[in-house]
C-alpha cells in the first residue's frame, strides 16, 4: 500500500482471511493465497495484475526500497508502454506499466 497508495483493510469474522481494497477509484477484494508462492522466476500459478503508473522508474525504485525484487526488468512494448514485473515481500508477482507511444 505504501508504494501505490491503496488501502487494504482486513474484514474480521469471515471463514477465510479477506481484505477490502480501496484504490481511490475502483474497489476490490483480496483473498489469501491457499498455497505457498512459487519461487521467483518459476512462472506463476495465477494471472498477474499490472498497474498503470505515471512514471515507471520512481515507482520501480519505491518497490525495491520497500522490499520487492525485480522478476523481469523494464522493457518496451513498442509504441505502447514500458512494462516490468516484480515480486513483493510476500511472494506475489505483479507488473507495472507506463503508457508511452514512443517506447521502443
N, C-alpha and C. Protein backbone atom coordinates (compact mmCIF):
# COMPACT_ATOMS: atom_id res chain seq x y z
N UNK A 1 0.82 -1.20 0.00
CA UNK A 1 0.00 0.00 0.00
C UNK A 1 0.86 1.26 0.00
N UNK A 2 2.04 1.19 0.59
CA UNK A 2 2.91 2.36 0.63
C UNK A 2 3.35 2.76 -0.78
N UNK A 3 3.57 1.79 -1.66
CA UNK A 3 4.08 2.07 -3.00
C UNK A 3 3.01 2.66 -3.90
N UNK A 4 1.81 2.10 -3.90
CA UNK A 4 0.79 2.53 -4.85
C UNK A 4 -0.35 3.32 -4.23
N UNK A 5 -0.32 3.53 -2.91
CA UNK A 5 -1.33 4.35 -2.26
C UNK A 5 -2.68 3.68 -2.07
N UNK A 6 -2.75 2.38 -2.17
CA UNK A 6 -4.00 1.68 -1.94
C UNK A 6 -4.16 1.39 -0.46
N UNK A 7 -5.41 1.30 0.00
CA UNK A 7 -5.68 0.99 1.40
C UNK A 7 -6.27 -0.42 1.48
N UNK A 8 -5.62 -1.29 2.26
CA UNK A 8 -6.08 -2.66 2.48
C UNK A 8 -6.64 -2.75 3.90
N UNK A 9 -7.86 -3.26 4.05
CA UNK A 9 -8.49 -3.39 5.36
C UNK A 9 -8.99 -4.82 5.54
N UNK A 10 -8.48 -5.50 6.57
CA UNK A 10 -8.92 -6.86 6.83
C UNK A 10 -10.36 -6.84 7.34
N UNK A 11 -11.16 -7.78 6.84
CA UNK A 11 -12.56 -7.90 7.25
C UNK A 11 -12.64 -9.02 8.28
N UNK A 12 -12.94 -8.69 9.54
CA UNK A 12 -12.99 -9.72 10.58
C UNK A 12 -14.26 -10.56 10.49
N UNK A 13 -14.19 -11.76 11.07
CA UNK A 13 -15.38 -12.59 11.22
C UNK A 13 -15.74 -13.44 10.02
N UNK A 14 -14.91 -13.48 8.98
CA UNK A 14 -15.22 -14.31 7.82
C UNK A 14 -14.53 -15.67 7.97
N UNK A 15 -15.02 -16.70 7.26
CA UNK A 15 -14.41 -18.02 7.40
C UNK A 15 -13.01 -18.13 6.78
N UNK A 16 -12.64 -17.17 5.93
CA UNK A 16 -11.29 -17.13 5.34
C UNK A 16 -10.75 -15.71 5.49
N UNK A 17 -9.42 -15.55 5.55
CA UNK A 17 -8.87 -14.19 5.61
C UNK A 17 -9.23 -13.42 4.34
N UNK A 18 -9.77 -12.21 4.51
CA UNK A 18 -10.22 -11.40 3.37
C UNK A 18 -9.97 -9.94 3.68
N UNK A 19 -9.52 -9.19 2.67
CA UNK A 19 -9.27 -7.76 2.80
C UNK A 19 -10.03 -7.01 1.72
N UNK A 20 -10.56 -5.84 2.06
CA UNK A 20 -11.09 -4.95 1.04
C UNK A 20 -9.95 -4.06 0.57
N UNK A 21 -10.07 -3.56 -0.66
CA UNK A 21 -9.04 -2.72 -1.26
C UNK A 21 -9.69 -1.44 -1.76
N UNK A 22 -9.18 -0.31 -1.30
CA UNK A 22 -9.63 0.99 -1.79
C UNK A 22 -8.48 1.60 -2.59
N UNK A 23 -8.76 1.92 -3.87
CA UNK A 23 -7.72 2.40 -4.77
C UNK A 23 -7.80 3.90 -5.05
N UNK A 24 -8.83 4.55 -4.56
CA UNK A 24 -9.06 5.94 -4.91
C UNK A 24 -9.97 6.04 -6.13
N UNK A 25 -10.23 4.93 -6.78
CA UNK A 25 -11.13 4.86 -7.93
C UNK A 25 -12.04 3.68 -7.73
N UNK A 26 -11.68 2.57 -8.34
CA UNK A 26 -12.48 1.35 -8.18
C UNK A 26 -12.14 0.68 -6.85
N UNK A 27 -13.01 -0.25 -6.46
CA UNK A 27 -12.77 -1.01 -5.23
C UNK A 27 -12.58 -2.46 -5.61
N UNK A 28 -11.94 -3.21 -4.73
CA UNK A 28 -11.71 -4.63 -4.99
C UNK A 28 -11.57 -5.39 -3.71
N UNK A 29 -11.22 -6.66 -3.83
CA UNK A 29 -11.03 -7.51 -2.67
C UNK A 29 -9.87 -8.44 -2.89
N UNK A 30 -9.41 -9.05 -1.81
CA UNK A 30 -8.23 -9.90 -1.87
C UNK A 30 -8.41 -11.07 -0.92
N UNK A 31 -8.21 -12.28 -1.43
CA UNK A 31 -8.18 -13.48 -0.60
C UNK A 31 -6.74 -13.90 -0.41
N UNK A 32 -6.44 -14.51 0.73
CA UNK A 32 -5.11 -15.05 0.96
C UNK A 32 -4.87 -16.24 0.04
N UNK A 33 -3.69 -16.33 -0.54
CA UNK A 33 -3.33 -17.45 -1.41
C UNK A 33 -3.35 -18.73 -0.57
N UNK A 34 -4.03 -19.81 -1.02
CA UNK A 34 -4.16 -21.01 -0.21
C UNK A 34 -2.93 -21.93 -0.23
N UNK A 35 -1.97 -21.64 -1.08
CA UNK A 35 -0.76 -22.47 -1.19
C UNK A 35 0.45 -21.55 -1.17
N UNK A 36 1.63 -22.09 -0.88
CA UNK A 36 2.83 -21.24 -0.89
C UNK A 36 3.07 -20.62 -2.26
N UNK A 37 3.69 -19.45 -2.26
CA UNK A 37 4.04 -18.79 -3.52
C UNK A 37 5.08 -19.60 -4.27
N UNK A 38 5.01 -19.61 -5.61
CA UNK A 38 6.06 -20.28 -6.36
C UNK A 38 7.38 -19.51 -6.22
N UNK A 39 8.51 -20.19 -6.38
CA UNK A 39 9.78 -19.49 -6.29
C UNK A 39 9.89 -18.41 -7.37
N UNK A 40 10.62 -17.31 -7.10
CA UNK A 40 10.80 -16.27 -8.12
C UNK A 40 11.34 -16.87 -9.42
N UNK A 41 10.88 -16.34 -10.52
CA UNK A 41 11.30 -16.69 -11.88
C UNK A 41 10.94 -18.13 -12.26
N UNK A 42 9.91 -18.70 -11.61
CA UNK A 42 9.47 -20.05 -11.96
C UNK A 42 8.11 -20.02 -12.64
N UNK A 43 7.63 -18.84 -12.96
CA UNK A 43 6.30 -18.73 -13.53
C UNK A 43 5.32 -18.38 -12.43
N UNK A 44 4.06 -18.50 -12.73
CA UNK A 44 3.04 -18.14 -11.75
C UNK A 44 1.91 -19.16 -11.79
N UNK A 45 1.18 -19.25 -10.70
CA UNK A 45 0.06 -20.18 -10.64
C UNK A 45 -1.27 -19.45 -10.70
N UNK A 46 -1.27 -18.22 -11.20
CA UNK A 46 -2.48 -17.40 -11.32
C UNK A 46 -2.22 -16.32 -12.35
N UNK A 47 -3.22 -15.48 -12.60
CA UNK A 47 -2.98 -14.36 -13.51
C UNK A 47 -2.16 -13.30 -12.79
N UNK A 48 -1.45 -12.51 -13.53
CA UNK A 48 -0.61 -11.46 -12.96
C UNK A 48 -1.24 -10.11 -13.28
N UNK A 49 -1.53 -9.33 -12.26
CA UNK A 49 -2.08 -7.99 -12.45
C UNK A 49 -0.96 -7.03 -12.79
N UNK A 50 -1.24 -6.09 -13.68
CA UNK A 50 -0.31 -5.00 -13.96
C UNK A 50 -1.03 -3.69 -13.67
N UNK A 51 -0.31 -2.77 -13.04
CA UNK A 51 -0.87 -1.49 -12.63
C UNK A 51 -0.27 -0.39 -13.49
N UNK A 52 -1.12 0.51 -13.99
CA UNK A 52 -0.61 1.66 -14.74
C UNK A 52 -0.04 2.68 -13.77
N UNK A 53 1.16 3.18 -14.07
CA UNK A 53 1.80 4.21 -13.26
C UNK A 53 2.16 5.39 -14.17
N UNK A 54 2.29 6.57 -13.58
CA UNK A 54 2.63 7.74 -14.38
C UNK A 54 4.09 7.76 -14.80
N UNK A 55 4.99 7.27 -13.94
CA UNK A 55 6.43 7.32 -14.20
C UNK A 55 7.06 6.03 -13.68
N UNK A 56 7.45 5.16 -14.59
CA UNK A 56 7.92 3.81 -14.24
C UNK A 56 9.08 3.81 -13.26
N UNK A 57 10.13 4.57 -13.56
CA UNK A 57 11.38 4.45 -12.79
C UNK A 57 11.24 4.77 -11.30
N UNK A 58 10.59 5.88 -10.91
CA UNK A 58 10.48 6.12 -9.47
C UNK A 58 9.61 5.08 -8.75
N UNK A 59 8.59 4.57 -9.43
CA UNK A 59 7.75 3.54 -8.81
C UNK A 59 8.56 2.24 -8.66
N UNK A 60 9.35 1.88 -9.68
CA UNK A 60 10.20 0.70 -9.58
C UNK A 60 11.18 0.83 -8.42
N UNK A 61 11.74 2.01 -8.24
CA UNK A 61 12.67 2.25 -7.12
C UNK A 61 11.94 2.10 -5.79
N UNK A 62 10.73 2.64 -5.71
CA UNK A 62 9.94 2.53 -4.48
C UNK A 62 9.62 1.07 -4.16
N UNK A 63 9.33 0.28 -5.19
CA UNK A 63 9.07 -1.14 -4.98
C UNK A 63 10.31 -1.81 -4.39
N UNK A 64 11.47 -1.56 -4.99
CA UNK A 64 12.72 -2.14 -4.49
C UNK A 64 13.03 -1.67 -3.08
N UNK A 65 12.84 -0.37 -2.83
CA UNK A 65 13.10 0.19 -1.50
C UNK A 65 12.17 -0.40 -0.44
N UNK A 66 11.01 -0.90 -0.87
CA UNK A 66 10.03 -1.48 0.05
C UNK A 66 10.18 -2.99 0.19
N UNK A 67 11.24 -3.56 -0.37
CA UNK A 67 11.50 -4.98 -0.21
C UNK A 67 11.11 -5.85 -1.38
N UNK A 68 10.57 -5.25 -2.45
CA UNK A 68 10.24 -6.02 -3.64
C UNK A 68 11.49 -6.35 -4.45
N UNK A 69 11.39 -7.37 -5.29
CA UNK A 69 12.51 -7.71 -6.16
C UNK A 69 12.04 -7.70 -7.62
N UNK A 70 12.97 -7.44 -8.52
CA UNK A 70 12.66 -7.42 -9.95
C UNK A 70 12.54 -8.86 -10.44
N UNK A 71 11.40 -9.19 -11.03
CA UNK A 71 11.20 -10.51 -11.63
C UNK A 71 11.53 -10.47 -13.11
N UNK A 72 11.19 -9.37 -13.78
CA UNK A 72 11.50 -9.16 -15.19
C UNK A 72 11.75 -7.67 -15.34
N UNK A 73 12.98 -7.27 -15.70
CA UNK A 73 13.31 -5.84 -15.76
C UNK A 73 12.47 -5.09 -16.79
N UNK A 74 12.46 -3.78 -16.64
CA UNK A 74 11.75 -2.86 -17.54
C UNK A 74 12.08 -3.19 -18.99
N UNK A 75 11.02 -3.26 -19.81
CA UNK A 75 11.21 -3.48 -21.25
C UNK A 75 10.15 -2.69 -22.00
N UNK A 76 10.43 -2.42 -23.27
CA UNK A 76 9.50 -1.66 -24.10
C UNK A 76 8.52 -2.61 -24.78
N UNK A 77 7.25 -2.26 -24.73
CA UNK A 77 6.25 -2.83 -25.62
C UNK A 77 6.14 -1.78 -26.71
N UNK A 78 6.75 -2.00 -27.89
CA UNK A 78 6.91 -0.94 -28.87
C UNK A 78 5.64 -0.15 -29.16
N UNK A 79 5.80 1.17 -29.14
CA UNK A 79 4.74 2.14 -29.44
C UNK A 79 3.56 2.04 -28.48
N UNK A 80 3.76 1.42 -27.31
CA UNK A 80 2.66 1.22 -26.36
C UNK A 80 3.02 1.65 -24.95
N UNK A 81 4.04 1.01 -24.35
CA UNK A 81 4.34 1.28 -22.95
C UNK A 81 5.69 0.72 -22.55
N UNK A 82 6.10 1.07 -21.33
CA UNK A 82 7.22 0.44 -20.63
C UNK A 82 6.61 -0.50 -19.60
N UNK A 83 7.07 -1.73 -19.54
CA UNK A 83 6.49 -2.76 -18.68
C UNK A 83 7.60 -3.41 -17.87
N UNK A 84 7.28 -3.88 -16.68
CA UNK A 84 8.20 -4.65 -15.86
C UNK A 84 7.41 -5.44 -14.83
N UNK A 85 8.05 -6.47 -14.28
CA UNK A 85 7.39 -7.33 -13.30
C UNK A 85 8.24 -7.44 -12.04
N UNK A 86 7.57 -7.58 -10.92
CA UNK A 86 8.20 -7.59 -9.60
C UNK A 86 7.58 -8.68 -8.75
N UNK A 87 8.28 -9.03 -7.66
CA UNK A 87 7.74 -9.93 -6.64
C UNK A 87 7.76 -9.16 -5.33
N UNK A 88 6.60 -9.06 -4.67
CA UNK A 88 6.54 -8.32 -3.42
C UNK A 88 7.10 -9.17 -2.27
N UNK A 89 7.27 -8.58 -1.08
CA UNK A 89 7.88 -9.33 0.03
C UNK A 89 7.11 -10.58 0.45
N UNK A 90 5.84 -10.71 0.05
CA UNK A 90 5.05 -11.91 0.38
C UNK A 90 5.06 -12.94 -0.74
N UNK A 91 5.80 -12.66 -1.82
CA UNK A 91 5.92 -13.62 -2.92
C UNK A 91 4.93 -13.45 -4.05
N UNK A 92 4.16 -12.36 -4.05
CA UNK A 92 3.18 -12.13 -5.10
C UNK A 92 3.85 -11.43 -6.29
N UNK A 93 3.61 -11.95 -7.49
CA UNK A 93 4.13 -11.34 -8.70
C UNK A 93 3.11 -10.33 -9.22
N UNK A 94 3.60 -9.16 -9.65
CA UNK A 94 2.74 -8.15 -10.24
C UNK A 94 3.57 -7.33 -11.22
N UNK A 95 2.88 -6.62 -12.10
CA UNK A 95 3.56 -5.77 -13.07
C UNK A 95 3.18 -4.32 -12.90
N UNK A 96 4.03 -3.45 -13.45
CA UNK A 96 3.68 -2.04 -13.59
C UNK A 96 3.97 -1.65 -15.03
N UNK A 97 3.22 -0.67 -15.54
CA UNK A 97 3.50 -0.18 -16.88
C UNK A 97 3.24 1.31 -16.96
N UNK A 98 4.02 1.97 -17.81
CA UNK A 98 3.88 3.40 -18.08
C UNK A 98 3.54 3.54 -19.55
N UNK A 99 2.37 4.11 -19.86
CA UNK A 99 1.98 4.32 -21.25
C UNK A 99 2.96 5.28 -21.91
N UNK A 100 3.47 4.89 -23.09
CA UNK A 100 4.41 5.73 -23.83
C UNK A 100 4.40 5.29 -25.29
N UNK A 101 3.76 6.09 -26.15
CA UNK A 101 3.65 5.76 -27.57
C UNK A 101 5.01 5.77 -28.27
N UNK A 102 6.05 6.32 -27.63
CA UNK A 102 7.38 6.35 -28.24
C UNK A 102 8.29 5.23 -27.72
N UNK A 103 7.78 4.36 -26.87
CA UNK A 103 8.60 3.26 -26.33
C UNK A 103 9.10 2.37 -27.46
N UNK A 104 10.40 2.06 -27.41
CA UNK A 104 10.97 1.13 -28.40
C UNK A 104 12.21 0.47 -27.85
